Protein backbone atom coordinates (compact mmCIF):
# COMPACT_ATOMS: atom_id res chain seq x y z
CA MET A 1 -15.30 21.36 43.45
CA LYS A 2 -15.36 17.61 42.83
CA LYS A 3 -17.67 18.15 39.82
CA ILE A 4 -15.15 20.57 38.30
CA HIS A 5 -12.36 18.00 38.61
CA VAL A 6 -14.50 15.32 37.01
CA LEU A 7 -15.47 17.69 34.20
CA MET A 8 -11.82 18.61 33.63
CA ILE A 9 -10.83 14.95 33.44
CA VAL A 10 -13.64 14.27 30.96
CA PHE A 11 -12.63 17.32 28.89
CA LEU A 12 -8.96 16.23 28.85
CA ALA A 13 -9.93 12.70 27.85
CA LEU A 14 -12.11 14.01 25.02
CA SER A 15 -9.34 16.37 23.88
CA PHE A 16 -6.86 13.49 23.76
CA THR A 17 -9.34 11.36 21.81
CA VAL A 18 -9.91 14.13 19.24
CA TYR A 19 -6.13 14.70 18.93
CA SER A 20 -5.52 10.96 18.46
CA GLN A 21 -8.31 10.75 15.87
CA LYS A 22 -6.85 13.67 13.88
CA LYS A 23 -3.38 12.14 14.07
CA GLU A 24 -4.70 8.85 12.69
CA GLU A 25 -6.66 10.65 9.96
CA PHE A 26 -3.44 12.37 8.91
CA ALA A 27 -1.66 8.99 8.80
CA VAL A 28 -4.49 7.55 6.64
CA LEU A 29 -4.29 10.59 4.32
CA SER A 30 -0.57 9.96 3.96
CA ALA A 31 -1.24 6.32 3.05
CA ILE A 32 -3.85 7.41 0.48
CA GLU A 33 -1.31 9.79 -1.07
CA THR A 34 1.24 6.96 -1.28
CA PHE A 35 -1.43 4.81 -2.96
CA ARG A 36 -2.24 7.61 -5.47
CA LYS A 37 1.43 8.23 -6.23
CA GLY A 38 2.08 4.49 -6.63
CA ILE A 39 -0.66 4.25 -9.28
CA ILE A 40 0.48 7.34 -11.21
CA ASP A 41 4.14 6.25 -11.15
CA ALA A 42 3.25 2.56 -11.71
CA ASP A 43 5.68 1.92 -8.84
CA LYS A 44 5.64 -1.76 -7.93
CA GLU A 45 7.62 -1.29 -4.72
CA LEU A 46 5.49 1.60 -3.51
CA LEU A 47 2.23 -0.23 -4.24
CA GLY A 48 3.58 -3.36 -2.58
CA SER A 49 4.46 -1.41 0.55
CA ILE A 50 0.98 0.11 0.94
CA ALA A 51 -1.17 -2.94 0.05
CA ALA A 52 -2.02 -5.58 2.64
CA GLU A 53 -1.15 -9.17 1.73
CA GLU A 54 -4.89 -9.96 2.02
CA LEU A 55 -5.91 -7.17 -0.40
CA VAL A 56 -9.23 -7.57 -2.19
CA TYR A 57 -9.36 -4.97 -4.99
CA GLY A 58 -12.77 -4.60 -6.64
CA HIS A 59 -13.30 -2.66 -9.88
CA SER A 60 -16.50 -0.91 -10.97
CA ASN A 61 -16.97 -3.54 -13.72
CA GLY A 62 -17.11 -6.38 -11.17
CA LYS A 63 -13.53 -7.60 -11.66
CA VAL A 64 -11.84 -8.54 -8.36
CA GLN A 65 -8.09 -8.85 -7.89
CA ASN A 66 -5.69 -9.87 -5.14
CA LYS A 67 -2.56 -7.90 -4.23
CA VAL A 68 -0.30 -9.43 -6.89
CA GLU A 69 -2.90 -9.09 -9.67
CA PHE A 70 -3.66 -5.47 -8.77
CA ILE A 71 0.00 -4.44 -8.74
CA GLU A 72 0.87 -6.33 -11.92
CA GLU A 73 -2.01 -4.69 -13.80
CA ILE A 74 -0.95 -1.19 -12.74
CA VAL A 75 2.71 -1.80 -13.53
CA ASN A 76 2.42 -3.80 -16.76
CA SER A 77 -0.72 -2.80 -18.62
CA GLN A 78 -2.61 0.12 -20.10
CA PRO A 79 -3.90 2.66 -19.40
CA ASP A 80 -1.16 4.86 -17.96
CA TYR A 81 -2.41 7.21 -15.27
CA ILE A 82 -1.48 10.86 -15.82
CA SER A 83 -3.31 12.34 -12.83
CA ILE A 84 -5.66 11.20 -10.10
CA ASP A 85 -7.96 13.37 -8.02
CA MET A 86 -9.92 12.12 -5.00
CA ALA A 87 -12.76 14.56 -4.27
CA ASP A 88 -15.44 14.69 -1.57
CA GLN A 89 -13.32 12.41 0.61
CA THR A 90 -14.49 11.19 4.01
CA ILE A 91 -12.53 9.16 6.53
CA ARG A 92 -14.10 7.18 9.37
CA ILE A 93 -11.77 5.44 11.80
CA SER A 94 -12.80 2.71 14.22
CA GLY A 95 -9.94 1.10 16.12
CA ASN A 96 -7.42 -0.21 13.60
CA THR A 97 -9.78 0.14 10.63
CA ALA A 98 -10.40 3.19 8.45
CA ILE A 99 -13.18 3.50 5.88
CA VAL A 100 -12.45 6.05 3.15
CA ARG A 101 -14.93 7.15 0.50
CA HIS A 102 -14.32 9.55 -2.36
CA ILE A 103 -15.01 10.34 -5.99
CA TYR A 104 -12.04 9.09 -8.00
CA SER A 105 -11.25 11.02 -11.17
CA ALA A 106 -8.28 10.10 -13.35
CA GLU A 107 -6.79 11.28 -16.59
CA THR A 108 -5.24 8.42 -18.54
CA THR A 109 -3.53 7.63 -21.79
CA ASN A 110 -3.80 4.34 -23.66
CA ASN A 111 -1.45 4.00 -26.63
CA GLY A 112 -1.58 7.75 -27.20
CA THR A 113 -5.33 8.09 -26.74
CA SER A 114 -6.47 10.25 -23.81
CA GLY A 115 -9.11 8.96 -21.46
CA HIS A 116 -10.99 9.95 -18.34
CA VAL A 117 -12.27 7.83 -15.46
CA LYS A 118 -14.76 9.04 -12.85
CA ILE A 119 -16.05 6.51 -10.33
CA GLY A 120 -16.92 6.21 -6.69
CA ASN A 121 -14.49 4.43 -4.40
CA MET A 122 -14.64 2.88 -0.98
CA LEU A 123 -11.30 1.93 0.55
CA VAL A 124 -10.81 -0.12 3.70
CA TRP A 125 -7.50 0.50 5.46
CA GLN A 126 -6.18 -1.56 8.35
CA LYS A 127 -3.40 -0.60 10.71
CA GLN A 128 -0.88 -3.45 10.59
CA HIS A 129 2.34 -3.27 12.61
CA GLY A 130 1.89 0.49 13.04
CA LYS A 131 1.29 1.24 9.34
CA TRP A 132 -1.96 1.77 7.42
CA LYS A 133 -2.37 -0.86 4.69
CA LEU A 134 -5.00 -1.04 1.97
CA LEU A 135 -7.08 -4.09 2.83
CA ALA A 136 -9.98 -3.68 0.40
CA ARG A 137 -11.17 -1.40 -2.36
CA GLN A 138 -14.52 -1.38 -4.10
CA ALA A 139 -15.17 0.98 -6.98
CA TYR A 140 -18.68 1.68 -8.22
CA LYS A 141 -20.27 3.47 -11.12
CA LEU A 142 -21.70 6.86 -10.33
CA PRO A 143 -25.29 7.72 -11.21
CA ILE A 144 -25.58 9.75 -14.38
């Protein structure tokens, strides 16, 4: 009988852990959607709310930006993002850190000329004061 009680306690603990993990994954997904929407809308306030003050934003060409530089480039320069799709996404959470990987595809326009971007992305999210913030991003070129 004692073994059954121990097994039930272990099962309940595992169930709670899985539930908590799924809840956090949903919160990270919500943050990613805010990030995507902020880029498409070139919304300075939205991007500012989702980016950590310590943001390190790496591009596939090697360029690295801080929070202010990243936001200013999205808001004030070309190209304009029409749509963004994040395919084959995985989320791994460890404590207050989430590692997200996906294939980032975007349709853009630059002074009336259409463009397409397809790169790999790794995002590092950190839970700060109860909210998931983008701490780091590194894009990389995909193999041909």
